[in-house]
Amino acid sequence: MQFHPNNLPGTGLEDLETMERIFSASNQLASVTRYASPHRRRLFIEAYFRQWDEDKALNTGNFILNNYKQALDILEHDGGVLQEAMVSLGITSADMDRWEGEELSFFARLGDENKHDVHAIVYVELLQELRDLEPKRAQANARFLHYAPSTADFNSASYRKDLAATC
C-alpha cells in the first residue's frame, strides 16, 4: 500500500490511465499487423511507439502548462472550501498527516490475522453449529424422556430396538 499512487508524493492530479490510453490506441495496429510476418509486425510496433514517443515529447510543454493551470485553479477555488471544512470540523493539517500515517499502517497490517480474532471466529462458528444442532438434540431428548418400555425386561430384543430408536 505504501507504493499506491494516492500515497506517493508528486502524483498529484495524474489519473494514472496513461498506459491504458497508450495500449488502447495501439489496438489500431492489429489490422495492419494481423497478417504480417513476425519481423514486419515488430517493425510496425516499433515505429508506432517511436512516433508516440515523439508526439509525447512535443506535447510535454503543453501538458505541464495545462496541469499547472489546473493545479492553480484547484488551489484557488477548492482550497478555501477545504480550509472552511477543516475549521468547521476542528481538523488541523497535523490531524490529516496523522490520519494518513494511520491509514498506511492499517493497510500494512491488514493481512495479519490477530490470534484472538481467529479464536473468536472459530468460537462463533461453533456456537452457530450448536444452535443448528439444538432442535435435533431437543427432539432426541423428548423421545427419550417420553419413552415408556412395554416390558420391564431390559435385556429383551424389543427393548434394545426401542432404545436404538431414541438415539
N, C-alpha and C. Protein backbone atom coordinates (compact mmCIF):
# COMPACT_ATOMS: atom_id res chain seq x y z
N MET A 1 0.83 -1.18 0.00
CA MET A 1 0.00 0.00 0.00
C MET A 1 0.88 1.25 0.00
N GLN A 2 2.11 1.12 0.46
CA GLN A 2 2.97 2.30 0.54
C GLN A 2 3.32 2.82 -0.85
N PHE A 3 3.19 1.98 -1.89
CA PHE A 3 3.50 2.43 -3.23
C PHE A 3 2.24 2.73 -4.04
N HIS A 4 1.10 2.74 -3.39
CA HIS A 4 -0.14 3.11 -4.08
C HIS A 4 -0.03 4.57 -4.52
N PRO A 5 -0.50 4.89 -5.71
CA PRO A 5 -0.35 6.26 -6.22
C PRO A 5 -0.93 7.34 -5.30
N ASN A 6 -1.95 7.02 -4.54
CA ASN A 6 -2.50 8.02 -3.61
C ASN A 6 -1.53 8.35 -2.49
N ASN A 7 -0.56 7.48 -2.27
CA ASN A 7 0.38 7.68 -1.17
C ASN A 7 1.76 8.13 -1.64
N LEU A 8 1.93 8.32 -2.93
CA LEU A 8 3.22 8.75 -3.46
C LEU A 8 3.21 10.26 -3.64
N PRO A 9 4.14 10.94 -2.99
CA PRO A 9 4.21 12.39 -3.19
C PRO A 9 4.54 12.69 -4.65
N GLY A 10 3.85 13.68 -5.20
CA GLY A 10 4.15 14.11 -6.55
C GLY A 10 3.23 13.53 -7.61
N THR A 11 2.39 12.54 -7.27
CA THR A 11 1.50 12.02 -8.31
C THR A 11 0.41 13.04 -8.63
N GLY A 12 0.02 13.82 -7.66
CA GLY A 12 -0.87 14.95 -7.89
C GLY A 12 -2.14 14.61 -8.63
N LEU A 13 -2.35 15.27 -9.75
CA LEU A 13 -3.60 15.18 -10.48
C LEU A 13 -3.61 14.05 -11.51
N GLU A 14 -2.55 13.32 -11.61
CA GLU A 14 -2.45 12.26 -12.61
C GLU A 14 -3.54 11.22 -12.37
N ASP A 15 -4.26 10.86 -13.43
CA ASP A 15 -5.32 9.85 -13.29
C ASP A 15 -4.78 8.43 -13.49
N LEU A 16 -3.51 8.31 -13.84
CA LEU A 16 -2.80 7.03 -13.98
C LEU A 16 -3.43 6.14 -15.05
N GLU A 17 -4.02 6.73 -16.04
CA GLU A 17 -4.61 5.99 -17.14
C GLU A 17 -3.73 6.03 -18.40
N THR A 18 -2.53 6.56 -18.27
CA THR A 18 -1.67 6.74 -19.44
C THR A 18 -1.41 5.43 -20.16
N MET A 19 -1.06 4.39 -19.43
CA MET A 19 -0.75 3.11 -20.07
C MET A 19 -1.98 2.56 -20.78
N GLU A 20 -3.14 2.70 -20.16
CA GLU A 20 -4.36 2.23 -20.80
C GLU A 20 -4.60 2.98 -22.11
N ARG A 21 -4.38 4.28 -22.09
CA ARG A 21 -4.57 5.08 -23.30
C ARG A 21 -3.58 4.66 -24.40
N ILE A 22 -2.33 4.42 -24.00
CA ILE A 22 -1.31 4.03 -24.98
C ILE A 22 -1.70 2.72 -25.65
N PHE A 23 -2.01 1.71 -24.84
CA PHE A 23 -2.28 0.40 -25.41
C PHE A 23 -3.64 0.35 -26.10
N SER A 24 -4.57 1.16 -25.64
CA SER A 24 -5.86 1.24 -26.33
C SER A 24 -5.66 1.82 -27.72
N ALA A 25 -4.86 2.87 -27.81
CA ALA A 25 -4.59 3.47 -29.12
C ALA A 25 -3.78 2.52 -30.00
N SER A 26 -2.95 1.69 -29.40
CA SER A 26 -2.12 0.77 -30.21
C SER A 26 -2.95 -0.36 -30.80
N ASN A 27 -4.20 -0.49 -30.38
CA ASN A 27 -5.06 -1.53 -30.95
C ASN A 27 -5.27 -1.34 -32.45
N GLN A 28 -5.10 -0.12 -32.92
CA GLN A 28 -5.24 0.13 -34.36
C GLN A 28 -4.16 -0.58 -35.17
N LEU A 29 -3.11 -1.02 -34.51
CA LEU A 29 -2.06 -1.78 -35.20
C LEU A 29 -2.52 -3.18 -35.57
N ALA A 30 -3.55 -3.68 -34.90
CA ALA A 30 -3.96 -5.06 -35.11
C ALA A 30 -4.32 -5.35 -36.56
N SER A 31 -5.07 -4.44 -37.17
CA SER A 31 -5.48 -4.70 -38.57
C SER A 31 -4.28 -4.66 -39.52
N VAL A 32 -3.29 -3.85 -39.18
CA VAL A 32 -2.12 -3.73 -40.05
C VAL A 32 -1.16 -4.90 -39.86
N THR A 33 -1.02 -5.38 -38.65
CA THR A 33 -0.02 -6.40 -38.34
C THR A 33 -0.59 -7.82 -38.32
N ARG A 34 -1.89 -7.97 -38.47
CA ARG A 34 -2.50 -9.29 -38.34
C ARG A 34 -1.84 -10.32 -39.25
N TYR A 35 -1.67 -9.99 -40.52
CA TYR A 35 -1.14 -10.95 -41.47
C TYR A 35 0.33 -10.69 -41.82
N ALA A 36 0.96 -9.82 -41.06
CA ALA A 36 2.37 -9.52 -41.32
C ALA A 36 3.26 -10.61 -40.74
N SER A 37 4.46 -10.69 -41.26
CA SER A 37 5.42 -11.65 -40.70
C SER A 37 5.85 -11.13 -39.32
N PRO A 38 6.39 -12.00 -38.49
CA PRO A 38 6.83 -11.55 -37.16
C PRO A 38 7.81 -10.38 -37.24
N HIS A 39 8.70 -10.41 -38.22
CA HIS A 39 9.68 -9.31 -38.38
C HIS A 39 8.96 -8.00 -38.71
N ARG A 40 8.06 -8.02 -39.69
CA ARG A 40 7.34 -6.82 -40.07
C ARG A 40 6.43 -6.34 -38.93
N ARG A 41 5.83 -7.27 -38.19
CA ARG A 41 4.98 -6.91 -37.05
C ARG A 41 5.79 -6.11 -36.04
N ARG A 42 6.99 -6.57 -35.73
CA ARG A 42 7.85 -5.86 -34.77
C ARG A 42 8.23 -4.48 -35.30
N LEU A 43 8.49 -4.39 -36.59
CA LEU A 43 8.83 -3.10 -37.19
C LEU A 43 7.68 -2.10 -37.06
N PHE A 44 6.45 -2.56 -37.37
CA PHE A 44 5.29 -1.68 -37.24
C PHE A 44 5.08 -1.22 -35.79
N ILE A 45 5.20 -2.16 -34.87
CA ILE A 45 5.00 -1.82 -33.46
C ILE A 45 6.08 -0.85 -32.99
N GLU A 46 7.32 -1.09 -33.38
CA GLU A 46 8.41 -0.19 -33.00
C GLU A 46 8.19 1.20 -33.60
N ALA A 47 7.78 1.27 -34.86
CA ALA A 47 7.53 2.56 -35.50
C ALA A 47 6.38 3.29 -34.81
N TYR A 48 5.34 2.54 -34.45
CA TYR A 48 4.20 3.15 -33.77
C TYR A 48 4.64 3.80 -32.46
N PHE A 49 5.38 3.06 -31.64
CA PHE A 49 5.78 3.60 -30.33
C PHE A 49 6.86 4.68 -30.45
N ARG A 50 7.69 4.60 -31.47
CA ARG A 50 8.66 5.68 -31.69
C ARG A 50 7.91 6.98 -32.02
N GLN A 51 6.90 6.88 -32.88
CA GLN A 51 6.09 8.06 -33.22
C GLN A 51 5.33 8.56 -31.99
N TRP A 52 4.82 7.64 -31.17
CA TRP A 52 4.12 8.04 -29.95
C TRP A 52 5.07 8.81 -29.03
N ASP A 53 6.30 8.31 -28.88
CA ASP A 53 7.29 9.00 -28.05
C ASP A 53 7.56 10.41 -28.56
N GLU A 54 7.72 10.54 -29.88
CA GLU A 54 7.99 11.87 -30.45
C GLU A 54 6.81 12.81 -30.24
N ASP A 55 5.59 12.32 -30.45
CA ASP A 55 4.40 13.15 -30.22
C ASP A 55 4.30 13.55 -28.76
N LYS A 56 4.59 12.63 -27.88
CA LYS A 56 4.51 12.92 -26.44
C LYS A 56 5.55 13.97 -26.06
N ALA A 57 6.75 13.88 -26.62
CA ALA A 57 7.80 14.86 -26.33
C ALA A 57 7.39 16.25 -26.81
N LEU A 58 6.75 16.31 -27.97
CA LEU A 58 6.30 17.61 -28.49
C LEU A 58 5.20 18.22 -27.62
N ASN A 59 4.38 17.39 -27.03
CA ASN A 59 3.24 17.87 -26.24
C ASN A 59 3.56 18.02 -24.76
N THR A 60 4.76 17.71 -24.34
CA THR A 60 5.10 17.77 -22.92
C THR A 60 4.95 19.17 -22.36
N GLY A 61 5.38 20.17 -23.09
CA GLY A 61 5.27 21.55 -22.61
C GLY A 61 3.82 21.94 -22.37
N ASN A 62 2.94 21.63 -23.32
CA ASN A 62 1.51 21.92 -23.14
C ASN A 62 0.93 21.13 -21.97
N PHE A 63 1.36 19.89 -21.83
CA PHE A 63 0.88 19.04 -20.75
C PHE A 63 1.24 19.66 -19.39
N ILE A 64 2.48 20.07 -19.24
CA ILE A 64 2.92 20.66 -17.97
C ILE A 64 2.19 21.97 -17.71
N LEU A 65 2.05 22.80 -18.74
CA LEU A 65 1.35 24.08 -18.58
C LEU A 65 -0.11 23.86 -18.18
N ASN A 66 -0.79 22.95 -18.84
CA ASN A 66 -2.20 22.68 -18.51
C ASN A 66 -2.35 22.11 -17.10
N ASN A 67 -1.45 21.23 -16.68
CA ASN A 67 -1.51 20.70 -15.32
C ASN A 67 -1.25 21.80 -14.29
N TYR A 68 -0.32 22.70 -14.60
CA TYR A 68 -0.03 23.81 -13.71
C TYR A 68 -1.25 24.70 -13.56
N LYS A 69 -1.90 25.03 -14.68
CA LYS A 69 -3.11 25.86 -14.63
C LYS A 69 -4.21 25.16 -13.84
N GLN A 70 -4.35 23.87 -14.05
CA GLN A 70 -5.38 23.11 -13.34
C GLN A 70 -5.10 23.11 -11.84
N ALA A 71 -3.85 22.94 -11.45
CA ALA A 71 -3.48 22.94 -10.04
C ALA A 71 -3.76 24.30 -9.41
N LEU A 72 -3.42 25.39 -10.12
CA LEU A 72 -3.70 26.73 -9.61
C LEU A 72 -5.20 26.96 -9.46
N ASP A 73 -5.97 26.48 -10.40
CA ASP A 73 -7.42 26.62 -10.35
C ASP A 73 -7.99 25.86 -9.15
N ILE A 74 -7.50 24.68 -8.90
CA ILE A 74 -7.97 23.89 -7.75
C ILE A 74 -7.61 24.60 -6.46
N LEU A 75 -6.39 25.10 -6.37
CA LEU A 75 -5.99 25.81 -5.15
C LEU A 75 -6.83 27.06 -4.93
N GLU A 76 -7.14 27.75 -6.01
CA GLU A 76 -7.91 28.99 -5.89
C GLU A 76 -9.36 28.72 -5.51
N HIS A 77 -9.97 27.74 -6.14
CA HIS A 77 -11.40 27.51 -5.93
C HIS A 77 -11.71 26.50 -4.83
N ASP A 78 -10.93 25.46 -4.72
CA ASP A 78 -11.23 24.40 -3.77
C ASP A 78 -10.44 24.51 -2.48
N GLY A 79 -9.35 25.25 -2.50
CA GLY A 79 -8.53 25.39 -1.28
C GLY A 79 -9.30 26.05 -0.16
N GLY A 80 -10.10 27.05 -0.48
CA GLY A 80 -10.91 27.72 0.54
C GLY A 80 -11.96 26.80 1.13
N VAL A 81 -12.56 25.98 0.29
CA VAL A 81 -13.57 25.03 0.77
C VAL A 81 -12.95 24.05 1.74
N LEU A 82 -11.76 23.58 1.42
CA LEU A 82 -11.06 22.66 2.32
C LEU A 82 -10.76 23.33 3.65
N GLN A 83 -10.27 24.55 3.60
CA GLN A 83 -9.95 25.27 4.85
C GLN A 83 -11.21 25.47 5.69
N GLU A 84 -12.33 25.85 5.06
CA GLU A 84 -13.58 26.03 5.78
C GLU A 84 -14.04 24.73 6.43
N ALA A 85 -13.94 23.63 5.70
CA ALA A 85 -14.33 22.33 6.25
C ALA A 85 -13.44 21.95 7.42
N MET A 86 -12.14 22.21 7.29
CA MET A 86 -11.22 21.88 8.38
C MET A 86 -11.55 22.70 9.63
N VAL A 87 -11.86 23.97 9.45
CA VAL A 87 -12.19 24.83 10.58
C VAL A 87 -13.50 24.38 11.23
N SER A 88 -14.51 24.10 10.41
CA SER A 88 -15.81 23.71 10.96
C SER A 88 -15.75 22.36 11.67
N LEU A 89 -14.86 21.48 11.23
CA LEU A 89 -14.72 20.17 11.86
C LEU A 89 -13.65 20.14 12.94
N GLY A 90 -12.92 21.23 13.08
CA GLY A 90 -11.85 21.28 14.08
C GLY A 90 -10.67 20.40 13.72
N ILE A 91 -10.36 20.34 12.45
CA ILE A 91 -9.27 19.49 11.95
C ILE A 91 -8.09 20.38 11.59
N THR A 92 -6.89 19.89 11.89
CA THR A 92 -5.67 20.59 11.50
C THR A 92 -4.93 19.79 10.44
N SER A 93 -3.96 20.41 9.83
CA SER A 93 -3.13 19.70 8.85
C SER A 93 -2.37 18.55 9.52
N ALA A 94 -2.01 18.76 10.77
CA ALA A 94 -1.32 17.70 11.51
C ALA A 94 -2.24 16.49 11.68
N ASP A 95 -3.54 16.74 11.93
CA ASP A 95 -4.50 15.63 12.03
C ASP A 95 -4.56 14.84 10.72
N MET A 96 -4.60 15.56 9.61
CA MET A 96 -4.68 14.89 8.32
C MET A 96 -3.42 14.08 8.03
N ASP A 97 -2.26 14.62 8.40
CA ASP A 97 -1.00 13.88 8.24
C ASP A 97 -1.00 12.63 9.11
N ARG A 98 -1.49 12.78 10.34
CA ARG A 98 -1.55 11.64 11.27
C ARG A 98 -2.49 10.56 10.72
N TRP A 99 -3.65 10.98 10.20
CA TRP A 99 -4.60 10.02 9.64
C TRP A 99 -4.02 9.30 8.44
N GLU A 100 -3.24 9.99 7.65
CA GLU A 100 -2.59 9.35 6.51
C GLU A 100 -1.64 8.26 6.99
N GLY A 101 -0.88 8.56 8.04
CA GLY A 101 0.03 7.55 8.61
C GLY A 101 -0.73 6.38 9.20
N GLU A 102 -1.86 6.67 9.86
CA GLU A 102 -2.68 5.59 10.43
C GLU A 102 -3.25 4.71 9.33
N GLU A 103 -3.67 5.34 8.23
CA GLU A 103 -4.19 4.57 7.11
C GLU A 103 -3.12 3.66 6.53
N LEU A 104 -1.91 4.18 6.35
CA LEU A 104 -0.82 3.37 5.83
C LEU A 104 -0.52 2.19 6.75
N SER A 105 -0.47 2.43 8.06
CA SER A 105 -0.18 1.33 8.99
C SER A 105 -1.33 0.33 9.04
N PHE A 106 -2.58 0.82 8.91
CA PHE A 106 -3.72 -0.09 8.88
C PHE A 106 -3.62 -1.04 7.70
N PHE A 107 -3.37 -0.48 6.50
CA PHE A 107 -3.29 -1.33 5.32
C PHE A 107 -2.04 -2.21 5.35
N ALA A 108 -0.99 -1.76 6.02
CA ALA A 108 0.24 -2.56 6.10
C ALA A 108 0.02 -3.84 6.90
N ARG A 109 -0.82 -3.76 7.92
CA ARG A 109 -1.05 -4.96 8.75
C ARG A 109 -2.43 -5.57 8.54
N LEU A 110 -3.09 -5.19 7.46
CA LEU A 110 -4.44 -5.69 7.18
C LEU A 110 -4.44 -7.20 6.98
N GLY A 111 -3.43 -7.74 6.34
CA GLY A 111 -3.38 -9.16 6.07
C GLY A 111 -3.03 -10.00 7.29
N ASP A 112 -2.49 -9.39 8.34
CA ASP A 112 -2.11 -10.13 9.54
C ASP A 112 -3.36 -10.39 10.38
N GLU A 113 -3.60 -11.68 10.67
CA GLU A 113 -4.75 -12.02 11.49
C GLU A 113 -4.32 -12.09 12.95
N ASN A 114 -5.05 -11.44 13.78
CA ASN A 114 -4.81 -11.48 15.21
C ASN A 114 -5.26 -12.85 15.71
N LYS A 115 -4.43 -13.51 16.53
CA LYS A 115 -4.79 -14.84 17.03
C LYS A 115 -6.09 -14.81 17.81
N HIS A 116 -6.32 -13.72 18.54
CA HIS A 116 -7.57 -13.59 19.29
C HIS A 116 -8.75 -13.57 18.33
N ASP A 117 -8.61 -12.88 17.21
CA ASP A 117 -9.70 -12.82 16.23
C ASP A 117 -9.98 -14.20 15.65
N VAL A 118 -8.93 -14.96 15.35
CA VAL A 118 -9.11 -16.30 14.79
C VAL A 118 -9.86 -17.17 15.78
N HIS A 119 -9.48 -17.12 17.06
CA HIS A 119 -10.17 -17.92 18.08
C HIS A 119 -11.61 -17.46 18.24
N ALA A 120 -11.85 -16.17 18.18
CA ALA A 120 -13.21 -15.65 18.30
C ALA A 120 -14.07 -16.12 17.14
N ILE A 121 -13.51 -16.14 15.94
CA ILE A 121 -14.26 -16.59 14.77
C ILE A 121 -14.61 -18.06 14.90
N VAL A 122 -13.65 -18.89 15.31
CA VAL A 122 -13.92 -20.31 15.49
C VAL A 122 -14.98 -20.51 16.57
N TYR A 123 -14.90 -19.74 17.65
CA TYR A 123 -15.88 -19.84 18.73
C TYR A 123 -17.29 -19.52 18.22
N VAL A 124 -17.41 -18.47 17.45
CA VAL A 124 -18.72 -18.09 16.90
C VAL A 124 -19.23 -19.16 15.94
N GLU A 125 -18.34 -19.71 15.12
CA GLU A 125 -18.76 -20.78 14.20
C GLU A 125 -19.26 -21.99 14.98
N LEU A 126 -18.59 -22.34 16.07
CA LEU A 126 -19.04 -23.46 16.89
C LEU A 126 -20.38 -23.16 17.56
N LEU A 127 -20.57 -21.93 18.00
CA LEU A 127 -21.87 -21.55 18.57
C LEU A 127 -22.98 -21.66 17.53
N GLN A 128 -22.70 -21.28 16.30
CA GLN A 128 -23.70 -21.41 15.24
C GLN A 128 -24.02 -22.87 14.96
N GLU A 129 -22.99 -23.71 14.99
CA GLU A 129 -23.20 -25.14 14.79
C GLU A 129 -24.04 -25.72 15.92
N LEU A 130 -23.75 -25.29 17.15
CA LEU A 130 -24.54 -25.73 18.30
C LEU A 130 -25.99 -25.31 18.16
N ARG A 131 -26.21 -24.06 17.74
CA ARG A 131 -27.57 -23.56 17.53
C ARG A 131 -28.31 -24.40 16.50
N ASP A 132 -27.62 -24.78 15.42
CA ASP A 132 -28.24 -25.57 14.37
C ASP A 132 -28.56 -26.99 14.85
N LEU A 133 -27.77 -27.53 15.77
CA LEU A 133 -27.99 -28.88 16.27
C LEU A 133 -28.97 -28.94 17.45
N GLU A 134 -29.28 -27.82 18.04
CA GLU A 134 -30.14 -27.78 19.22
C GLU A 134 -31.52 -28.40 18.98
N PRO A 135 -32.22 -28.14 17.87
CA PRO A 135 -33.53 -28.78 17.66
C PRO A 135 -33.42 -30.31 17.60
N LYS A 136 -32.38 -30.82 16.98
CA LYS A 136 -32.19 -32.27 16.90
C LYS A 136 -31.95 -32.86 18.29
N ARG A 137 -31.16 -32.17 19.12
CA ARG A 137 -30.93 -32.64 20.48
C ARG A 137 -32.22 -32.61 21.30
N ALA A 138 -33.00 -31.55 21.15
CA ALA A 138 -34.25 -31.43 21.90
C ALA A 138 -35.23 -32.53 21.51
N GLN A 139 -35.28 -32.85 20.23
CA GLN A 139 -36.17 -33.91 19.76
C GLN A 139 -35.75 -35.27 20.32
N ALA A 140 -34.46 -35.57 20.30
CA ALA A 140 -33.97 -36.84 20.84
C ALA A 140 -34.20 -36.90 22.34
N ASN A 141 -34.02 -35.79 23.04
CA ASN A 141 -34.25 -35.75 24.48
C ASN A 141 -35.73 -36.00 24.80
N ALA A 142 -36.62 -35.39 24.02
CA ALA A 142 -38.06 -35.57 24.25
C ALA A 142 -38.47 -37.02 24.01
N ARG A 143 -37.95 -37.64 22.96
CA ARG A 143 -38.26 -39.05 22.70
C ARG A 143 -37.77 -39.92 23.86
N PHE A 144 -36.60 -39.61 24.38
CA PHE A 144 -36.05 -40.40 25.48
C PHE A 144 -36.89 -40.24 26.75
N LEU A 145 -37.24 -39.01 27.07
CA LEU A 145 -37.99 -38.76 28.31
C LEU A 145 -39.41 -39.28 28.26
N HIS A 146 -40.01 -39.34 27.08
CA HIS A 146 -41.39 -39.78 26.97
C HIS A 146 -41.52 -41.25 26.60
N TYR A 147 -40.44 -41.94 26.55
CA TYR A 147 -40.48 -43.34 26.19
C TYR A 147 -40.83 -44.16 27.42
N ALA A 148 -41.80 -45.03 27.25
CA ALA A 148 -42.17 -45.97 28.32
C ALA A 148 -42.03 -47.37 27.76
N PRO A 149 -41.10 -48.18 28.30
CA PRO A 149 -40.92 -49.53 27.76
C PRO A 149 -42.17 -50.38 27.99
N SER A 150 -42.45 -51.25 27.03
CA SER A 150 -43.65 -52.09 27.13
C SER A 150 -43.46 -53.20 28.14
N THR A 151 -42.24 -53.60 28.40
CA THR A 151 -41.96 -54.64 29.40
C THR A 151 -40.83 -54.18 30.28
N ALA A 152 -40.69 -54.79 31.38
CA ALA A 152 -39.63 -54.44 32.31
C ALA A 152 -38.36 -55.21 32.03
N ASP A 153 -38.34 -56.03 31.01
CA ASP A 153 -37.17 -56.83 30.67
C ASP A 153 -36.21 -55.98 29.83
N PHE A 154 -35.14 -55.49 30.49
CA PHE A 154 -34.20 -54.59 29.81
C PHE A 154 -33.23 -55.32 28.89
N ASN A 155 -33.22 -56.62 28.90
CA ASN A 155 -32.34 -57.39 28.04
C ASN A 155 -33.04 -57.90 26.79
N SER A 156 -34.31 -57.64 26.64
CA SER A 156 -35.04 -58.18 25.50
C SER A 156 -34.66 -57.44 24.22
N ALA A 157 -34.91 -58.12 23.11
CA ALA A 157 -34.60 -57.55 21.79
C ALA A 157 -35.48 -56.34 21.51
N SER A 158 -36.74 -56.39 21.95
CA SER A 158 -37.63 -55.26 21.68
C SER A 158 -37.18 -54.02 22.45
N TYR A 159 -36.63 -54.22 23.67
CA TYR A 159 -36.13 -53.07 24.44
C TYR A 159 -34.93 -52.44 23.74
N ARG A 160 -34.01 -53.27 23.25
CA ARG A 160 -32.84 -52.77 22.55
C ARG A 160 -33.25 -52.03 21.26
N LYS A 161 -34.30 -52.57 20.58
CA LYS A 161 -34.80 -51.93 19.37
C LYS A 161 -35.42 -50.58 19.71
N ASP A 162 -36.21 -50.55 20.78
CA ASP A 162 -36.83 -49.28 21.20
C ASP A 162 -35.77 -48.28 21.67
N LEU A 163 -34.75 -48.77 22.34
CA LEU A 163 -33.68 -47.92 22.81
C LEU A 163 -32.92 -47.31 21.63
N ALA A 164 -32.70 -48.09 20.59
CA ALA A 164 -32.00 -47.59 19.40
C ALA A 164 -32.80 -46.50 18.70
N ALA A 165 -34.13 -46.59 18.80
CA ALA A 165 -34.99 -45.59 18.16
C ALA A 165 -34.91 -44.24 18.86
N THR A 166 -34.48 -44.20 20.09
CA THR A 166 -34.41 -42.93 20.82
C THR A 166 -33.12 -42.16 20.52
N CYS A 167 -32.15 -42.77 19.87
CA CYS A 167 -30.88 -42.10 19.60
C CYS A 167 -30.88 -41.41 18.28
